[in-house]
């Protein structure tokens, strides 16, 4: 069933211009007849459902599969039908949607690590990016940013936490913490050996950062990955 751009705009609560932008970006299905767009009604209703669903967080399993898609991979352990639905959902969103909906994928712990062992952090299996390198991983032009007084490290999987704490002689801490470990809650930790996956996960982490420049760099990177996913167009 087809509809006009005006009808689509009314259903979505946006302008006719925005509907045309969505069509050009392949976020809605349609075809050109002369100078007129004919919009596929099914894609409009799917888009509307997506808009209603945007505030809902993905489960860790689905969130990690979504980030793998943005990294150019499709081995997130979903069925073909689940993967197809997720791909459409991710394509239809924006960078901050990805950040917000992935919030249950990352858990954080604040630690106090003996100063003499801080330089061993990047030697511990399961830690792939430090605060100093996180920005460079997604935006080499941004330059060094002193994000805060704490170090930030991203780990692999929840099961690694006890081992890593033991190796570093770390203890749970509050105000005295000098390390914050962000853990990716997934049983597919081996995927994080791929630098392209590390970059997407890091961008999602930094997309919620308090520094506006850091957030901007992260969302710009994710926006680029969303464009790439849309252009690929495979289902």
C-alpha atoms as a PDB file:
ATOM      1  CA  UNK A   1       0.000   0.000   0.000  1.00  0.00           C
ATOM      2  CA  UNK A   2       1.305   3.469  -0.891  1.00  0.00           C
ATOM      3  CA  UNK A   3       0.773   6.938   0.534  1.00  0.00           C
ATOM      4  CA  UNK A   4       1.820  10.512  -0.183  1.00  0.00           C
ATOM      5  CA  UNK A   5       4.593  12.310   1.646  1.00  0.00           C
ATOM      6  CA  UNK A   6       1.936  14.511   3.280  1.00  0.00           C
ATOM      7  CA  UNK A   7       0.121  11.461   4.674  1.00  0.00           C
ATOM      8  CA  UNK A   8       3.422   9.985   5.870  1.00  0.00           C
ATOM      9  CA  UNK A   9       4.340  13.280   7.534  1.00  0.00           C
ATOM     10  CA  UNK A  10       1.007  13.367   9.367  1.00  0.00           C
ATOM     11  CA  UNK A  11       1.448   9.826  10.685  1.00  0.00           C
ATOM     12  CA  UNK A  12       5.012  10.465  11.831  1.00  0.00           C
ATOM     13  CA  UNK A  13       4.344  13.935  13.198  1.00  0.00           C
ATOM     14  CA  UNK A  14       7.094  15.508  11.089  1.00  0.00           C
ATOM     15  CA  UNK A  15       7.291  17.859   8.131  1.00  0.00           C
ATOM     16  CA  UNK A  16       6.993  16.873   4.489  1.00  0.00           C
ATOM     17  CA  UNK A  17      10.629  17.921   4.096  1.00  0.00           C
ATOM     18  CA  UNK A  18      11.684  15.495   6.832  1.00  0.00           C
ATOM     19  CA  UNK A  19       9.826  12.661   5.091  1.00  0.00           C
ATOM     20  CA  UNK A  20      11.739  13.418   1.892  1.00  0.00           C
ATOM     21  CA  UNK A  21      15.007  13.385   3.855  1.00  0.00           C
ATOM     22  CA  UNK A  22      14.128   9.985   5.292  1.00  0.00           C
ATOM     23  CA  UNK A  23      13.341   8.697   1.808  1.00  0.00           C
ATOM     24  CA  UNK A  24      16.628   9.975   0.387  1.00  0.00           C
ATOM     25  CA  UNK A  25      18.480   8.406   3.306  1.00  0.00           C
ATOM     26  CA  UNK A  26      16.660   5.096   2.719  1.00  0.00           C
ATOM     27  CA  UNK A  27      15.159   5.281   6.201  1.00  0.00           C
ATOM     28  CA  UNK A  28      11.739   5.042   4.542  1.00  0.00           C
ATOM     29  CA  UNK A  29      10.897   2.985   1.468  1.00  0.00           C
ATOM     30  CA  UNK A  30       9.480   4.725  -1.582  1.00  0.00           C
ATOM     31  CA  UNK A  31       9.905   5.497  -5.249  1.00  0.00           C
ATOM     32  CA  UNK A  32       9.987   8.570  -7.439  1.00  0.00           C
ATOM     33  CA  UNK A  33       7.283   9.160 -10.028  1.00  0.00           C
ATOM     34  CA  UNK A  34       8.397  12.230 -11.898  1.00  0.00           C
ATOM     35  CA  UNK A  35       8.986  14.860  -9.228  1.00  0.00           C
ATOM     36  CA  UNK A  36       6.734  13.140  -6.691  1.00  0.00           C
ATOM     37  CA  UNK A  37       7.644  10.661  -3.994  1.00  0.00           C
ATOM     38  CA  UNK A  38       5.341   7.678  -3.435  1.00  0.00           C
ATOM     39  CA  UNK A  39       5.900   6.288   0.069  1.00  0.00           C
ATOM     40  CA  UNK A  40       5.514   2.664   1.121  1.00  0.00           C
ATOM     41  CA  UNK A  41       2.952   2.688   3.949  1.00  0.00           C
ATOM     42  CA  UNK A  42       4.485  -0.337   5.666  1.00  0.00           C
ATOM     43  CA  UNK A  43       7.801   1.427   6.105  1.00  0.00           C
ATOM     44  CA  UNK A  44       6.003   4.454   7.574  1.00  0.00           C
ATOM     45  CA  UNK A  45       4.235   2.310  10.173  1.00  0.00           C
ATOM     46  CA  UNK A  46       7.518   0.555  11.017  1.00  0.00           C
ATOM     47  CA  UNK A  47       9.175   3.944  11.434  1.00  0.00           C
ATOM     48  CA  UNK A  48       6.365   5.090  13.710  1.00  0.00           C
ATOM     49  CA  UNK A  49       6.730   1.986  15.887  1.00  0.00           C
ATOM     50  CA  UNK A  50      10.472   2.631  16.025  1.00  0.00           C
ATOM     51  CA  UNK A  51       9.904   6.184  17.214  1.00  0.00           C
ATOM     52  CA  UNK A  52       7.655   4.910  20.005  1.00  0.00           C
ATOM     53  CA  UNK A  53      10.260   2.303  20.937  1.00  0.00           C
ATOM     54  CA  UNK A  54      13.309   4.553  20.916  1.00  0.00           C
ATOM     55  CA  UNK A  55      13.448   5.162  24.645  1.00  0.00           C
ATOM     56  CA  UNK A  56      13.576   1.449  25.432  1.00  0.00           C
ATOM     57  CA  UNK A  57      17.003  -0.026  26.133  1.00  0.00           C
ATOM     58  CA  UNK A  58      18.184  -3.067  24.210  1.00  0.00           C
ATOM     59  CA  UNK A  59      19.078  -6.145  26.210  1.00  0.00           C
ATOM     60  CA  UNK A  60      22.875  -6.617  26.466  1.00  0.00           C
ATOM     61  CA  UNK A  61      22.637  -9.429  23.886  1.00  0.00           C
ATOM     62  CA  UNK A  62      20.787  -7.284  21.336  1.00  0.00           C
ATOM     63  CA  UNK A  63      22.861  -4.185  22.080  1.00  0.00           C
ATOM     64  CA  UNK A  64      26.116  -6.007  21.387  1.00  0.00           C
ATOM     65  CA  UNK A  65      24.702  -7.445  18.162  1.00  0.00           C
ATOM     66  CA  UNK A  66      23.764  -3.886  17.142  1.00  0.00           C
ATOM     67  CA  UNK A  67      27.293  -2.639  17.804  1.00  0.00           C
ATOM     68  CA  UNK A  68      28.705  -5.536  15.806  1.00  0.00           C
ATOM     69  CA  UNK A  69      26.507  -4.462  12.886  1.00  0.00           C
ATOM     70  CA  UNK A  70      27.958  -0.952  13.125  1.00  0.00           C
ATOM     71  CA  UNK A  71      31.417  -2.498  13.093  1.00  0.00           C
ATOM     72  CA  UNK A  72      30.594  -4.291   9.839  1.00  0.00           C
ATOM     73  CA  UNK A  73      29.957  -7.695  11.389  1.00  0.00           C
ATOM     74  CA  UNK A  74      26.835  -9.841  11.657  1.00  0.00           C
ATOM     75  CA  UNK A  75      28.043 -12.577  14.014  1.00  0.00           C
ATOM     76  CA  UNK A  76      26.173 -11.408  17.108  1.00  0.00           C
ATOM     77  CA  UNK A  77      24.422 -14.693  17.754  1.00  0.00           C
ATOM     78  CA  UNK A  78      20.962 -13.606  16.569  1.00  0.00           C
ATOM     79  CA  UNK A  79      18.703 -15.563  14.251  1.00  0.00           C
ATOM     80  CA  UNK A  80      18.350 -14.315  10.684  1.00  0.00           C
ATOM     81  CA  UNK A  81      14.933 -12.807  11.403  1.00  0.00           C
ATOM     82  CA  UNK A  82      16.148 -11.136  14.625  1.00  0.00           C
ATOM     83  CA  UNK A  83      19.169  -9.756  12.816  1.00  0.00           C
ATOM     84  CA  UNK A  84      17.041  -8.392   9.982  1.00  0.00           C
ATOM     85  CA  UNK A  85      14.714  -6.612  12.421  1.00  0.00           C
ATOM     86  CA  UNK A  86      17.644  -5.232  14.390  1.00  0.00           C
ATOM     87  CA  UNK A  87      19.354  -3.980  11.245  1.00  0.00           C
ATOM     88  CA  UNK A  88      16.224  -2.050  10.257  1.00  0.00           C
ATOM     89  CA  UNK A  89      15.919  -0.663  13.781  1.00  0.00           C
ATOM     90  CA  UNK A  90      19.542   0.506  13.902  1.00  0.00           C
ATOM     91  CA  UNK A  91      19.356   2.039  10.433  1.00  0.00           C
ATOM     92  CA  UNK A  92      16.280   4.001  11.417  1.00  0.00           C
ATOM     93  CA  UNK A  93      17.917   5.586  14.439  1.00  0.00           C
ATOM     94  CA  UNK A  94      20.511   8.221  15.182  1.00  0.00           C
ATOM     95  CA  UNK A  95      23.837   8.126  17.017  1.00  0.00           C
ATOM     96  CA  UNK A  96      22.407   9.116  20.389  1.00  0.00           C
ATOM     97  CA  UNK A  97      19.687   6.474  20.010  1.00  0.00           C
ATOM     98  CA  UNK A  98      22.450   3.867  19.812  1.00  0.00           C
ATOM     99  CA  UNK A  99      24.142   5.316  22.913  1.00  0.00           C
ATOM    100  CA  UNK A 100      20.917   5.412  24.925  1.00  0.00           C
ATOM    101  CA  UNK A 101      19.630   2.016  23.853  1.00  0.00           C
ATOM    102  CA  UNK A 102      22.991   0.350  24.607  1.00  0.00           C
ATOM    103  CA  UNK A 103      23.023   1.560  28.216  1.00  0.00           C
ATOM    104  CA  UNK A 104      22.415  -1.918  29.670  1.00  0.00           C
ATOM    105  CA  UNK A 105      25.408  -3.345  27.799  1.00  0.00           C
ATOM    106  CA  UNK A 106      27.972  -1.536  29.949  1.00  0.00           C
ATOM    107  CA  UNK A 107      28.409  -1.862  33.705  1.00  0.00           C
ATOM    108  CA  UNK A 108      30.904   0.189  35.690  1.00  0.00           C
ATOM    109  CA  UNK A 109      32.981  -0.339  38.807  1.00  0.00           C
ATOM    110  CA  UNK A 110      35.193   2.179  40.601  1.00  0.00           C
ATOM    111  CA  UNK A 111      38.477   0.790  41.917  1.00  0.00           C
ATOM    112  CA  UNK A 112      41.488   1.926  43.856  1.00  0.00           C
ATOM    113  CA  UNK A 113      44.576   0.423  42.229  1.00  0.00           C
ATOM    114  CA  UNK A 114      47.996   0.738  43.890  1.00  0.00           C
ATOM    115  CA  UNK A 115      49.884   3.508  42.099  1.00  0.00           C
ATOM    116  CA  UNK A 116      52.808   1.162  41.491  1.00  0.00           C
ATOM    117  CA  UNK A 117      50.520  -1.089  39.423  1.00  0.00           C
ATOM    118  CA  UNK A 118      48.738   1.518  37.314  1.00  0.00           C
ATOM    119  CA  UNK A 119      51.178   1.078  34.440  1.00  0.00           C
ATOM    120  CA  UNK A 120      50.220  -2.607  34.292  1.00  0.00           C
ATOM    121  CA  UNK A 121      46.617  -1.889  33.386  1.00  0.00           C
ATOM    122  CA  UNK A 122      47.080  -2.216  29.653  1.00  0.00           C
ATOM    123  CA  UNK A 123      49.018  -5.471  30.118  1.00  0.00           C
ATOM    124  CA  UNK A 124      46.042  -7.179  31.733  1.00  0.00           C
ATOM    125  CA  UNK A 125      44.121  -9.469  29.398  1.00  0.00           C
ATOM    126  CA  UNK A 126      40.626  -8.108  28.957  1.00  0.00           C
ATOM    127  CA  UNK A 127      41.417  -4.393  28.940  1.00  0.00           C
ATOM    128  CA  UNK A 128      41.587  -2.899  25.484  1.00  0.00           C
ATOM    129  CA  UNK A 129      41.485   0.875  25.758  1.00  0.00           C
ATOM    130  CA  UNK A 130      42.631   3.471  28.275  1.00  0.00           C
ATOM    131  CA  UNK A 131      41.395   6.999  28.817  1.00  0.00           C
ATOM    132  CA  UNK A 132      44.458   8.322  27.056  1.00  0.00           C
ATOM    133  CA  UNK A 133      43.819   6.321  23.901  1.00  0.00           C
ATOM    134  CA  UNK A 134      40.012   6.248  23.808  1.00  0.00           C
ATOM    135  CA  UNK A 135      39.625   9.556  21.997  1.00  0.00           C
ATOM    136  CA  UNK A 136      42.375   8.718  19.535  1.00  0.00           C
ATOM    137  CA  UNK A 137      40.664   5.417  18.780  1.00  0.00           C
ATOM    138  CA  UNK A 138      37.616   7.201  17.362  1.00  0.00           C
ATOM    139  CA  UNK A 139      38.939  10.674  16.470  1.00  0.00           C
ATOM    140  CA  UNK A 140      42.646  11.192  15.846  1.00  0.00           C
ATOM    141  CA  UNK A 141      42.147  14.917  15.162  1.00  0.00           C
ATOM    142  CA  UNK A 142      40.584  15.817  18.503  1.00  0.00           C
ATOM    143  CA  UNK A 143      43.862  15.938  20.401  1.00  0.00           C
ATOM    144  CA  UNK A 144      44.474  15.099  24.052  1.00  0.00           C
ATOM    145  CA  UNK A 145      41.576  15.792  26.394  1.00  0.00           C
ATOM    146  CA  UNK A 146      41.841  15.619  30.173  1.00  0.00           C
ATOM    147  CA  UNK A 147      38.397  14.144  30.660  1.00  0.00           C
ATOM    148  CA  UNK A 148      38.558  13.930  34.447  1.00  0.00           C
ATOM    149  CA  UNK A 149      40.907  13.000  37.250  1.00  0.00           C
ATOM    150  CA  UNK A 150      40.136   9.312  36.943  1.00  0.00           C
ATOM    151  CA  UNK A 151      41.465   6.817  34.470  1.00  0.00           C
ATOM    152  CA  UNK A 152      38.878   5.068  32.326  1.00  0.00           C
ATOM    153  CA  UNK A 153      39.344   1.534  31.115  1.00  0.00           C
ATOM    154  CA  UNK A 154      37.018  -0.702  29.154  1.00  0.00           C
ATOM    155  CA  UNK A 155      36.996  -4.404  29.970  1.00  0.00           C
ATOM    156  CA  UNK A 156      35.796  -7.436  28.088  1.00  0.00           C
ATOM    157  CA  UNK A 157      33.221  -9.362  30.075  1.00  0.00           C
ATOM    158  CA  UNK A 158      31.764  -9.518  33.564  1.00  0.00           C
ATOM    159  CA  UNK A 159      33.454 -12.829  34.261  1.00  0.00           C
ATOM    160  CA  UNK A 160      36.855 -11.124  33.975  1.00  0.00           C
ATOM    161  CA  UNK A 161      36.311  -8.659  36.823  1.00  0.00           C
ATOM    162  CA  UNK A 162      37.403 -10.814  39.751  1.00  0.00           C
ATOM    163  CA  UNK A 163      40.503 -11.963  37.892  1.00  0.00           C
ATOM    164  CA  UNK A 164      41.472  -8.442  36.835  1.00  0.00           C
ATOM    165  CA  UNK A 165      40.964  -7.031  40.321  1.00  0.00           C
ATOM    166  CA  UNK A 166      43.130  -9.794  41.760  1.00  0.00           C
ATOM    167  CA  UNK A 167      45.897  -9.256  39.211  1.00  0.00           C
ATOM    168  CA  UNK A 168      45.998  -5.536  39.937  1.00  0.00           C
ATOM    169  CA  UNK A 169      45.567  -5.762  43.691  1.00  0.00           C
ATOM    170  CA  UNK A 170      42.580  -3.441  43.302  1.00  0.00           C
ATOM    171  CA  UNK A 171      39.754  -2.847  45.748  1.00  0.00           C
ATOM    172  CA  UNK A 172      36.321  -1.337  45.340  1.00  0.00           C
ATOM    173  CA  UNK A 173      36.402   2.386  46.087  1.00  0.00           C
ATOM    174  CA  UNK A 174      34.257   5.484  46.109  1.00  0.00           C
ATOM    175  CA  UNK A 175      35.757   8.957  46.260  1.00  0.00           C
ATOM    176  CA  UNK A 176      39.268   7.505  46.467  1.00  0.00           C
ATOM    177  CA  UNK A 177      38.934   5.585  43.193  1.00  0.00           C
ATOM    178  CA  UNK A 178      41.631   6.130  40.594  1.00  0.00           C
ATOM    179  CA  UNK A 179      40.307   3.701  37.981  1.00  0.00           C
ATOM    180  CA  UNK A 180      36.838   3.217  36.534  1.00  0.00           C
ATOM    181  CA  UNK A 181      36.343  -0.069  34.723  1.00  0.00           C
ATOM    182  CA  UNK A 182      33.539  -0.202  32.158  1.00  0.00           C
ATOM    183  CA  UNK A 183      32.602  -3.795  31.473  1.00  0.00           C
ATOM    184  CA  UNK A 184      30.946  -5.024  28.300  1.00  0.00           C
ATOM    185  CA  UNK A 185      28.308  -7.512  29.426  1.00  0.00           C
ATOM    186  CA  UNK A 186      28.520 -10.107  26.696  1.00  0.00           C
ATOM    187  CA  UNK A 187      29.419 -13.753  26.329  1.00  0.00           C
ATOM    188  CA  UNK A 188      30.939 -12.919  22.927  1.00  0.00           C
ATOM    189  CA  UNK A 189      34.054 -11.300  24.400  1.00  0.00           C
ATOM    190  CA  UNK A 190      36.255 -12.731  21.662  1.00  0.00           C
ATOM    191  CA  UNK A 191      34.628 -10.299  19.188  1.00  0.00           C
ATOM    192  CA  UNK A 192      36.299  -7.451  21.091  1.00  0.00           C
ATOM    193  CA  UNK A 193      39.692  -8.514  19.765  1.00  0.00           C
ATOM    194  CA  UNK A 194      38.584  -6.773  16.545  1.00  0.00           C
ATOM    195  CA  UNK A 195      39.704  -3.127  16.603  1.00  0.00           C
ATOM    196  CA  UNK A 196      36.660  -2.085  14.561  1.00  0.00           C
ATOM    197  CA  UNK A 197      34.430  -3.469  17.326  1.00  0.00           C
ATOM    198  CA  UNK A 198      36.546  -1.763  19.986  1.00  0.00           C
ATOM    199  CA  UNK A 199      36.042   1.553  18.223  1.00  0.00           C
ATOM    200  CA  UNK A 200      32.247   1.235  18.149  1.00  0.00           C
ATOM    201  CA  UNK A 201      32.034   0.126  21.795  1.00  0.00           C
ATOM    202  CA  UNK A 202      34.332   2.982  22.824  1.00  0.00           C
ATOM    203  CA  UNK A 203      32.219   5.491  20.900  1.00  0.00           C
ATOM    204  CA  UNK A 204      29.079   4.260  22.685  1.00  0.00           C
ATOM    205  CA  UNK A 205      30.831   4.621  26.041  1.00  0.00           C
ATOM    206  CA  UNK A 206      32.073   8.126  25.234  1.00  0.00           C
ATOM    207  CA  UNK A 207      28.713   9.147  23.787  1.00  0.00           C
ATOM    208  CA  UNK A 208      27.496   9.656  27.353  1.00  0.00           C
ATOM    209  CA  UNK A 209      30.608  11.550  28.486  1.00  0.00           C
ATOM    210  CA  UNK A 210      30.255  14.814  30.401  1.00  0.00           C
ATOM    211  CA  UNK A 211      32.713  16.634  28.095  1.00  0.00           C
ATOM    212  CA  UNK A 212      30.791  18.042  25.101  1.00  0.00           C
ATOM    213  CA  UNK A 213      33.788  17.661  22.767  1.00  0.00           C
ATOM    214  CA  UNK A 214      34.112  14.010  23.658  1.00  0.00           C
ATOM    215  CA  UNK A 215      30.382  13.409  23.113  1.00  0.00           C
ATOM    216  CA  UNK A 216      30.539  15.203  19.766  1.00  0.00           C
ATOM    217  CA  UNK A 217      33.473  13.100  18.580  1.00  0.00           C
ATOM    218  CA  UNK A 218      31.723   9.904  19.656  1.00  0.00           C
ATOM    219  CA  UNK A 219      28.388  10.724  18.031  1.00  0.00           C
ATOM    220  CA  UNK A 220      30.089  11.888  14.834  1.00  0.00           C
ATOM    221  CA  UNK A 221      31.879   8.555  14.617  1.00  0.00           C
ATOM    222  CA  UNK A 222      28.663   6.605  15.255  1.00  0.00           C
ATOM    223  CA  UNK A 223      26.775   8.710  12.706  1.00  0.00           C
ATOM    224  CA  UNK A 224      29.360   7.734  10.114  1.00  0.00           C
ATOM    225  CA  UNK A 225      28.902   4.068  10.959  1.00  0.00           C
ATOM    226  CA  UNK A 226      25.108   4.448  10.654  1.00  0.00           C
ATOM    227  CA  UNK A 227      25.519   5.969   7.192  1.00  0.00           C
ATOM    228  CA  UNK A 228      27.779   3.090   6.165  1.00  0.00           C
ATOM    229  CA  UNK A 229      25.225   0.560   7.411  1.00  0.00           C
ATOM    230  CA  UNK A 230      22.442   2.294   5.477  1.00  0.00           C
ATOM    231  CA  UNK A 231      24.507   2.425   2.280  1.00  0.00           C
ATOM    232  CA  UNK A 232      25.342  -1.277   2.496  1.00  0.00           C
ATOM    233  CA  UNK A 233      21.628  -1.988   2.415  1.00  0.00           C
ATOM    234  CA  UNK A 234      21.874  -5.745   2.993  1.00  0.00           C
ATOM    235  CA  UNK A 235      19.083  -7.392   4.999  1.00  0.00           C
END
